[in-house]
PDB file of N, CA and C in Angstrom:
ATOM      1  N   MET A   1     191.428 162.591 137.748  1.00  0.00           N
ATOM      2  CA  MET A   1     190.749 161.967 136.351  1.00  0.00           C
ATOM      3  C   MET A   1     190.770 163.399 135.232  1.00  0.00           C
ATOM      4  N   ALA A   2     191.738 163.208 134.231  1.00  0.00           N
ATOM      5  CA  ALA A   2     191.826 164.903 132.943  1.00  0.00           C
ATOM      6  C   ALA A   2     190.499 164.062 131.954  1.00  0.00           C
ATOM      7  N   PHE A   3     190.386 165.523 131.700  1.00  0.00           N
ATOM      8  CA  PHE A   3     189.141 165.062 130.761  1.00  0.00           C
ATOM      9  C   PHE A   3     188.943 166.572 129.297  1.00  0.00           C
ATOM     10  N   ILE A   4     188.629 166.160 128.379  1.00  0.00           N
ATOM     11  CA  ILE A   4     188.547 167.418 127.281  1.00  0.00           C
ATOM     12  C   ILE A   4     187.059 167.500 127.472  1.00  0.00           C
ATOM     13  N   GLU A   5     186.927 168.436 127.185  1.00  0.00           N
ATOM     14  CA  GLU A   5     184.955 168.734 127.417  1.00  0.00           C
ATOM     15  C   GLU A   5     184.683 169.716 126.130  1.00  0.00           C
ATOM     16  N   MET A   6     183.996 169.057 125.283  1.00  0.00           N
ATOM     17  CA  MET A   6     183.279 169.864 124.080  1.00  0.00           C
ATOM     18  C   MET A   6     181.941 169.687 123.802  1.00  0.00           C
ATOM     19  N   THR A   7     181.219 170.051 122.679  1.00  0.00           N
ATOM     20  CA  THR A   7     179.976 170.100 121.867  1.00  0.00           C
ATOM     21  C   THR A   7     179.667 168.777 121.762  1.00  0.00           C
ATOM     22  N   GLY A   8     178.688 168.115 121.354  1.00  0.00           N
ATOM     23  CA  GLY A   8     178.057 166.862 120.801  1.00  0.00           C
ATOM     24  C   GLY A   8     178.434 167.235 119.276  1.00  0.00           C
ATOM     25  N   ALA A   9     178.156 168.076 118.750  1.00  0.00           N
ATOM     26  CA  ALA A   9     178.600 168.731 116.976  1.00  0.00           C
ATOM     27  C   ALA A   9     180.402 168.450 117.241  1.00  0.00           C
ATOM     28  N   THR A  10     181.277 168.721 117.941  1.00  0.00           N
ATOM     29  CA  THR A  10     182.391 168.415 117.731  1.00  0.00           C
ATOM     30  C   THR A  10     182.735 166.871 118.088  1.00  0.00           C
ATOM     31  N   LEU A  11     182.067 165.891 119.040  1.00  0.00           N
ATOM     32  CA  LEU A  11     182.660 164.542 119.358  1.00  0.00           C
ATOM     33  C   LEU A  11     181.782 163.945 118.138  1.00  0.00           C
ATOM     34  N   GLU A  12     180.785 164.336 117.102  1.00  0.00           N
ATOM     35  CA  GLU A  12     180.374 163.922 116.142  1.00  0.00           C
ATOM     36  C   GLU A  12     181.355 163.943 114.873  1.00  0.00           C
ATOM     37  N   ARG A  13     182.381 164.951 114.875  1.00  0.00           N
ATOM     38  CA  ARG A  13     183.166 164.840 113.892  1.00  0.00           C
ATOM     39  C   ARG A  13     184.907 164.222 114.115  1.00  0.00           C
ATOM     40  N   ILE A  14     184.963 163.732 115.522  1.00  0.00           N
ATOM     41  CA  ILE A  14     185.375 163.205 115.793  1.00  0.00           C
ATOM     42  C   ILE A  14     185.765 161.928 116.034  1.00  0.00           C
ATOM     43  N   VAL A  15     184.521 161.328 116.040  1.00  0.00           N
ATOM     44  CA  VAL A  15     183.896 159.794 116.314  1.00  0.00           C
ATOM     45  C   VAL A  15     184.684 159.179 114.723  1.00  0.00           C
ATOM     46  N   ALA A  16     185.340 157.961 114.972  1.00  0.00           N
ATOM     47  CA  ALA A  16     185.774 157.489 113.913  1.00  0.00           C
ATOM     48  C   ALA A  16     184.455 156.276 113.570  1.00  0.00           C
ATOM     49  N   ASP A  17     184.494 155.814 112.469  1.00  0.00           N
ATOM     50  CA  ASP A  17     183.577 154.671 111.372  1.00  0.00           C
ATOM     51  C   ASP A  17     183.549 153.418 112.575  1.00  0.00           C
ATOM     52  N   ASP A  18     184.419 152.903 113.098  1.00  0.00           N
ATOM     53  CA  ASP A  18     184.190 152.015 113.996  1.00  0.00           C
ATOM     54  C   ASP A  18     184.223 152.157 115.631  1.00  0.00           C
ATOM     55  N   GLU A  19     183.504 153.633 115.699  1.00  0.00           N
ATOM     56  CA  GLU A  19     183.514 153.419 116.795  1.00  0.00           C
ATOM     57  C   GLU A  19     181.797 154.002 117.621  1.00  0.00           C
ATOM     58  N   LEU A  20     181.092 154.713 118.023  1.00  0.00           N
ATOM     59  CA  LEU A  20     179.608 155.208 117.781  1.00  0.00           C
ATOM     60  C   LEU A  20     179.459 155.758 116.532  1.00  0.00           C
ATOM     61  N   HIS A  21     178.456 155.945 116.253  1.00  0.00           N
ATOM     62  CA  HIS A  21     177.797 156.600 114.917  1.00  0.00           C
ATOM     63  C   HIS A  21     176.813 157.703 115.213  1.00  0.00           C
ATOM     64  N   HIS A  22     176.364 158.564 114.416  1.00  0.00           N
ATOM     65  CA  HIS A  22     175.375 159.319 114.654  1.00  0.00           C
ATOM     66  C   HIS A  22     174.354 158.949 115.247  1.00  0.00           C
ATOM     67  N   ASP A  23     173.546 157.976 114.722  1.00  0.00           N
ATOM     68  CA  ASP A  23     172.353 157.217 115.400  1.00  0.00           C
ATOM     69  C   ASP A  23     172.782 157.189 116.655  1.00  0.00           C
ATOM     70  N   ASP A  24     173.936 156.314 117.050  1.00  0.00           N
ATOM     71  CA  ASP A  24     174.433 156.340 118.563  1.00  0.00           C
ATOM     72  C   ASP A  24     174.223 157.526 119.190  1.00  0.00           C
ATOM     73  N   LEU A  25     174.962 157.994 118.917  1.00  0.00           N
ATOM     74  CA  LEU A  25     174.649 159.351 119.707  1.00  0.00           C
ATOM     75  C   LEU A  25     173.048 159.968 120.051  1.00  0.00           C
ATOM     76  N   ALA A  26     172.247 159.825 118.943  1.00  0.00           N
ATOM     77  CA  ALA A  26     171.331 160.935 119.134  1.00  0.00           C
ATOM     78  C   ALA A  26     170.629 159.669 120.204  1.00  0.00           C
ATOM     79  N   THR A  27     170.684 158.379 119.750  1.00  0.00           N
ATOM     80  CA  THR A  27     169.635 157.246 121.035  1.00  0.00           C
ATOM     81  C   THR A  27     170.246 157.906 122.587  1.00  0.00           C
ATOM     82  N   ALA A  28     171.210 158.178 122.361  1.00  0.00           N
ATOM     83  CA  ALA A  28     171.839 158.168 124.178  1.00  0.00           C
ATOM     84  C   ALA A  28     172.073 160.052 124.369  1.00  0.00           C
ATOM     85  N   GLY A  29     170.675 160.686 123.482  1.00  0.00           N
ATOM     86  CA  GLY A  29     170.703 161.632 123.940  1.00  0.00           C
ATOM     87  C   GLY A  29     171.586 162.886 123.831  1.00  0.00           C
ATOM     88  N   VAL A  30     172.505 162.732 122.620  1.00  0.00           N
ATOM     89  CA  VAL A  30     173.341 163.822 122.581  1.00  0.00           C
ATOM     90  C   VAL A  30     173.156 164.485 121.380  1.00  0.00           C
ATOM     91  N   ARG A  31     173.022 165.827 121.779  1.00  0.00           N
ATOM     92  CA  ARG A  31     172.514 166.728 120.398  1.00  0.00           C
ATOM     93  C   ARG A  31     173.659 167.524 120.166  1.00  0.00           C
ATOM     94  N   SER A  32     173.579 168.152 119.309  1.00  0.00           N
ATOM     95  CA  SER A  32     174.714 168.822 119.064  1.00  0.00           C
ATOM     96  C   SER A  32     175.137 170.177 119.667  1.00  0.00           C
ATOM     97  N   ASP A  33     174.062 170.617 120.674  1.00  0.00           N
ATOM     98  CA  ASP A  33     174.444 171.404 121.685  1.00  0.00           C
ATOM     99  C   ASP A  33     174.627 170.794 122.851  1.00  0.00           C
ATOM    100  N   SER A  34     174.492 169.330 123.102  1.00  0.00           N
ATOM    101  CA  SER A  34     174.849 169.019 124.682  1.00  0.00           C
ATOM    102  C   SER A  34     176.592 168.925 124.754  1.00  0.00           C
ATOM    103  N   ILE A  35     176.630 168.978 126.220  1.00  0.00           N
ATOM    104  CA  ILE A  35     177.996 169.391 126.784  1.00  0.00           C
ATOM    105  C   ILE A  35     178.588 167.434 127.055  1.00  0.00           C
ATOM    106  N   VAL A  36     179.663 167.245 126.504  1.00  0.00           N
ATOM    107  CA  VAL A  36     180.589 166.016 126.458  1.00  0.00           C
ATOM    108  C   VAL A  36     182.039 165.995 127.344  1.00  0.00           C
ATOM    109  N   ARG A  37     182.336 165.285 127.515  1.00  0.00           N
ATOM    110  CA  ARG A  37     183.463 165.162 127.902  1.00  0.00           C
ATOM    111  C   ARG A  37     184.408 163.619 127.538  1.00  0.00           C
ATOM    112  N   VAL A  38     185.460 163.755 127.105  1.00  0.00           N
ATOM    113  CA  VAL A  38     186.256 162.281 127.091  1.00  0.00           C
ATOM    114  C   VAL A  38     187.166 162.180 128.203  1.00  0.00           C
ATOM    115  N   ASN A  39     187.672 161.232 128.958  1.00  0.00           N
ATOM    116  CA  ASN A  39     188.919 161.038 129.394  1.00  0.00           C
ATOM    117  C   ASN A  39     190.243 160.354 128.595  1.00  0.00           C
ATOM    118  N   ARG A  40     190.751 160.228 129.784  1.00  0.00           N
ATOM    119  CA  ARG A  40     192.265 159.990 128.274  1.00  0.00           C
ATOM    120  C   ARG A  40     192.137 158.326 128.332  1.00  0.00           C
ATOM    121  N   GLN A  41     191.312 157.684 128.686  1.00  0.00           N
ATOM    122  CA  GLN A  41     190.840 156.240 128.464  1.00  0.00           C
ATOM    123  C   GLN A  41     189.934 155.920 127.377  1.00  0.00           C
ATOM    124  N   GLY A  42     189.173 156.887 126.772  1.00  0.00           N
ATOM    125  CA  GLY A  42     188.535 157.403 125.989  1.00  0.00           C
ATOM    126  C   GLY A  42     186.976 156.849 126.165  1.00  0.00           C
ATOM    127  N   ASP A  43     186.325 156.982 127.420  1.00  0.00           N
ATOM    128  CA  ASP A  43     185.187 156.999 127.544  1.00  0.00           C
ATOM    129  C   ASP A  43     184.480 158.375 127.483  1.00  0.00           C
ATOM    130  N   ILE A  44     183.735 157.960 126.673  1.00  0.00           N
ATOM    131  CA  ILE A  44     182.826 159.440 126.416  1.00  0.00           C
ATOM    132  C   ILE A  44     181.518 159.865 127.759  1.00  0.00           C
ATOM    133  N   GLU A  45     181.351 160.720 127.768  1.00  0.00           N
ATOM    134  CA  GLU A  45     180.208 161.359 128.988  1.00  0.00           C
ATOM    135  C   GLU A  45     179.497 162.155 128.687  1.00  0.00           C
ATOM    136  N   VAL A  46     178.214 162.247 128.712  1.00  0.00           N
ATOM    137  CA  VAL A  46     177.638 163.061 128.152  1.00  0.00           C
ATOM    138  C   VAL A  46     176.732 164.048 129.579  1.00  0.00           C
ATOM    139  N   ARG A  47     177.135 165.398 129.512  1.00  0.00           N
ATOM    140  CA  ARG A  47     176.008 165.861 130.781  1.00  0.00           C
ATOM    141  C   ARG A  47     174.619 165.904 130.964  1.00  0.00           C
ATOM    142  N   ARG A  48     174.237 165.417 131.929  1.00  0.00           N
ATOM    143  CA  ARG A  48     173.180 165.165 132.291  1.00  0.00           C
ATOM    144  C   ARG A  48     172.608 166.203 133.458  1.00  0.00           C
ATOM    145  N   PRO A  49     171.157 166.956 133.327  1.00  0.00           N
ATOM    146  CA  PRO A  49     170.928 167.618 134.402  1.00  0.00           C
ATOM    147  C   PRO A  49     171.507 167.347 136.136  1.00  0.00           C
ATOM    148  N   ALA A  50     171.567 166.057 136.347  1.00  0.00           N
ATOM    149  CA  ALA A  50     171.753 165.516 137.612  1.00  0.00           C
ATOM    150  C   ALA A  50     173.447 165.359 137.709  1.00  0.00           C
ATOM    151  N   GLY A  51     173.949 164.927 136.116  1.00  0.00           N
ATOM    152  CA  GLY A  51     175.348 164.353 136.808  1.00  0.00           C
ATOM    153  C   GLY A  51     176.098 164.022 135.584  1.00  0.00           C
ATOM    154  N   TRP A  52     176.892 163.469 135.028  1.00  0.00           N
ATOM    155  CA  TRP A  52     177.486 162.155 134.012  1.00  0.00           C
ATOM    156  C   TRP A  52     177.174 161.274 133.762  1.00  0.00           C
ATOM    157  N   ASP A  53     176.827 160.606 132.666  1.00  0.00           N
ATOM    158  CA  ASP A  53     176.343 159.852 132.009  1.00  0.00           C
ATOM    159  C   ASP A  53     177.398 158.879 131.203  1.00  0.00           C
ATOM    160  N   VAL A  54     178.168 157.672 131.646  1.00  0.00           N
ATOM    161  CA  VAL A  54     179.182 157.269 130.251  1.00  0.00           C
ATOM    162  C   VAL A  54     178.245 156.895 129.559  1.00  0.00           C
ATOM    163  N   ILE A  55     178.477 156.787 128.157  1.00  0.00           N
ATOM    164  CA  ILE A  55     177.479 156.695 126.302  1.00  0.00           C
ATOM    165  C   ILE A  55     178.514 155.459 125.437  1.00  0.00           C
ATOM    166  N   GLY A  56     179.524 155.704 125.683  1.00  0.00           N
ATOM    167  CA  GLY A  56     180.193 154.756 125.126  1.00  0.00           C
ATOM    168  C   GLY A  56     181.856 154.990 125.178  1.00  0.00           C
ATOM    169  N   GLY A  57     182.545 155.076 123.904  1.00  0.00           N
ATOM    170  CA  GLY A  57     183.842 155.006 124.107  1.00  0.00           C
ATOM    171  C   GLY A  57     184.734 155.112 122.873  1.00  0.00           C
ATOM    172  N   LEU A  58     185.701 155.663 122.748  1.00  0.00           N
ATOM    173  CA  LEU A  58     186.419 155.847 121.740  1.00  0.00           C
ATOM    174  C   LEU A  58     187.974 154.699 121.779  1.00  0.00           C
ATOM    175  N   LEU A  59     187.944 154.805 120.583  1.00  0.00           N
ATOM    176  CA  LEU A  59     189.198 153.444 120.232  1.00  0.00           C
ATOM    177  C   LEU A  59     190.646 154.378 119.534  1.00  0.00           C
ATOM    178  N   GLY A  60     191.336 153.713 119.765  1.00  0.00           N
ATOM    179  CA  GLY A  60     193.043 153.592 118.964  1.00  0.00           C
ATOM    180  C   GLY A  60     193.318 155.106 119.282  1.00  0.00           C
ATOM    181  N   GLU A  61     193.978 156.296 118.169  1.00  0.00           N
ATOM    182  CA  GLU A  61     194.286 157.289 118.505  1.00  0.00           C
ATOM    183  C   GLU A  61     193.574 158.546 118.647  1.00  0.00           C
ATOM    184  N   PHE A  62     192.357 158.098 119.265  1.00  0.00           N
ATOM    185  CA  PHE A  62     191.770 159.563 119.931  1.00  0.00           C
ATOM    186  C   PHE A  62     192.576 160.556 120.416  1.00  0.00           C
ATOM    187  N   ASP A  63     193.702 160.486 121.176  1.00  0.00           N
ATOM    188  CA  ASP A  63     194.011 161.708 121.791  1.00  0.00           C
ATOM    189  C   ASP A  63     194.356 162.655 120.712  1.00  0.00           C
ATOM    190  N   HIS A  64     195.329 162.456 119.616  1.00  0.00           N
ATOM    191  CA  HIS A  64     195.511 163.397 118.770  1.00  0.00           C
ATOM    192  C   HIS A  64     194.015 163.852 117.707  1.00  0.00           C
ATOM    193  N   ARG A  65     193.318 162.879 117.707  1.00  0.00           N
ATOM    194  CA  ARG A  65     191.836 163.444 117.321  1.00  0.00           C
ATOM    195  C   ARG A  65     191.299 164.690 117.709  1.00  0.00           C
ATOM    196  N   ILE A  66     191.264 164.534 119.046  1.00  0.00           N
ATOM    197  CA  ILE A  66     190.596 165.137 119.982  1.00  0.00           C
ATOM    198  C   ILE A  66     191.122 166.440 120.834  1.00  0.00           C
ATOM    199  N   ARG A  67     192.676 166.688 120.883  1.00  0.00           N
ATOM    200  CA  ARG A  67     193.174 167.955 120.764  1.00  0.00           C
ATOM    201  C   ARG A  67     193.570 168.529 119.398  1.00  0.00           C
ATOM    202  N   ARG A  68     193.135 167.781 118.619  1.00  0.00           N
ATOM    203  CA  ARG A  68     193.651 168.718 117.018  1.00  0.00           C
ATOM    204  C   ARG A  68     192.147 169.248 116.887  1.00  0.00           C
ATOM    205  N   GLU A  69     190.952 168.830 116.893  1.00  0.00           N
ATOM    206  CA  GLU A  69     189.660 169.460 116.883  1.00  0.00           C
ATOM    207  C   GLU A  69     189.703 170.117 117.676  1.00  0.00           C
ATOM    208  N   THR A  70     189.761 169.855 118.700  1.00  0.00           N
ATOM    209  CA  THR A  70     189.359 171.136 120.055  1.00  0.00           C
ATOM    210  C   THR A  70     190.007 172.068 120.383  1.00  0.00           C
ATOM    211  N   GLY A  71     191.491 171.981 119.939  1.00  0.00           N
ATOM    212  CA  GLY A  71     192.274 172.827 120.749  1.00  0.00           C
ATOM    213  C   GLY A  71     192.986 172.745 122.014  1.00  0.00           C
ATOM    214  N   LEU A  72     192.559 171.943 122.616  1.00  0.00           N
ATOM    215  CA  LEU A  72     192.305 171.756 124.105  1.00  0.00           C
ATOM    216  C   LEU A  72     193.507 170.557 124.771  1.00  0.00           C
ATOM    217  N   ASP A  73     193.916 170.630 125.905  1.00  0.00           N
ATOM    218  CA  ASP A  73     194.279 169.208 126.545  1.00  0.00           C
ATOM    219  C   ASP A  73     193.875 169.126 127.541  1.00  0.00           C
ATOM    220  N   TRP A  74     194.230 167.776 128.019  1.00  0.00           N
ATOM    221  CA  TRP A  74     193.655 167.260 129.019  1.00  0.00           C
ATOM    222  C   TRP A  74     193.842 168.326 130.206  1.00  0.00           C
ATOM    223  N   ALA A  75     192.466 168.436 130.819  1.00  0.00           N
ATOM    224  CA  ALA A  75     192.936 169.126 132.116  1.00  0.00           C
ATOM    225  C   ALA A  75     191.707 168.475 133.378  1.00  0.00           C
TER     226      ALA A  75
END
């Protein structure tokens, strides 16, 4: 499965108003320096000490938002 990884701070800039909000990210344990990744379906996962946890999802045209903000492609 392909992902784009980023920090929690980058994810906060990408998230749209009708998706997760800052409070939702904080509740899920995402900090500005957290490692997160998004798959092509828009599922958001946060890195925990023993693996990855799904914490929500992105909607709509997130592909363009993610690639523009991170400068990365799916890998």
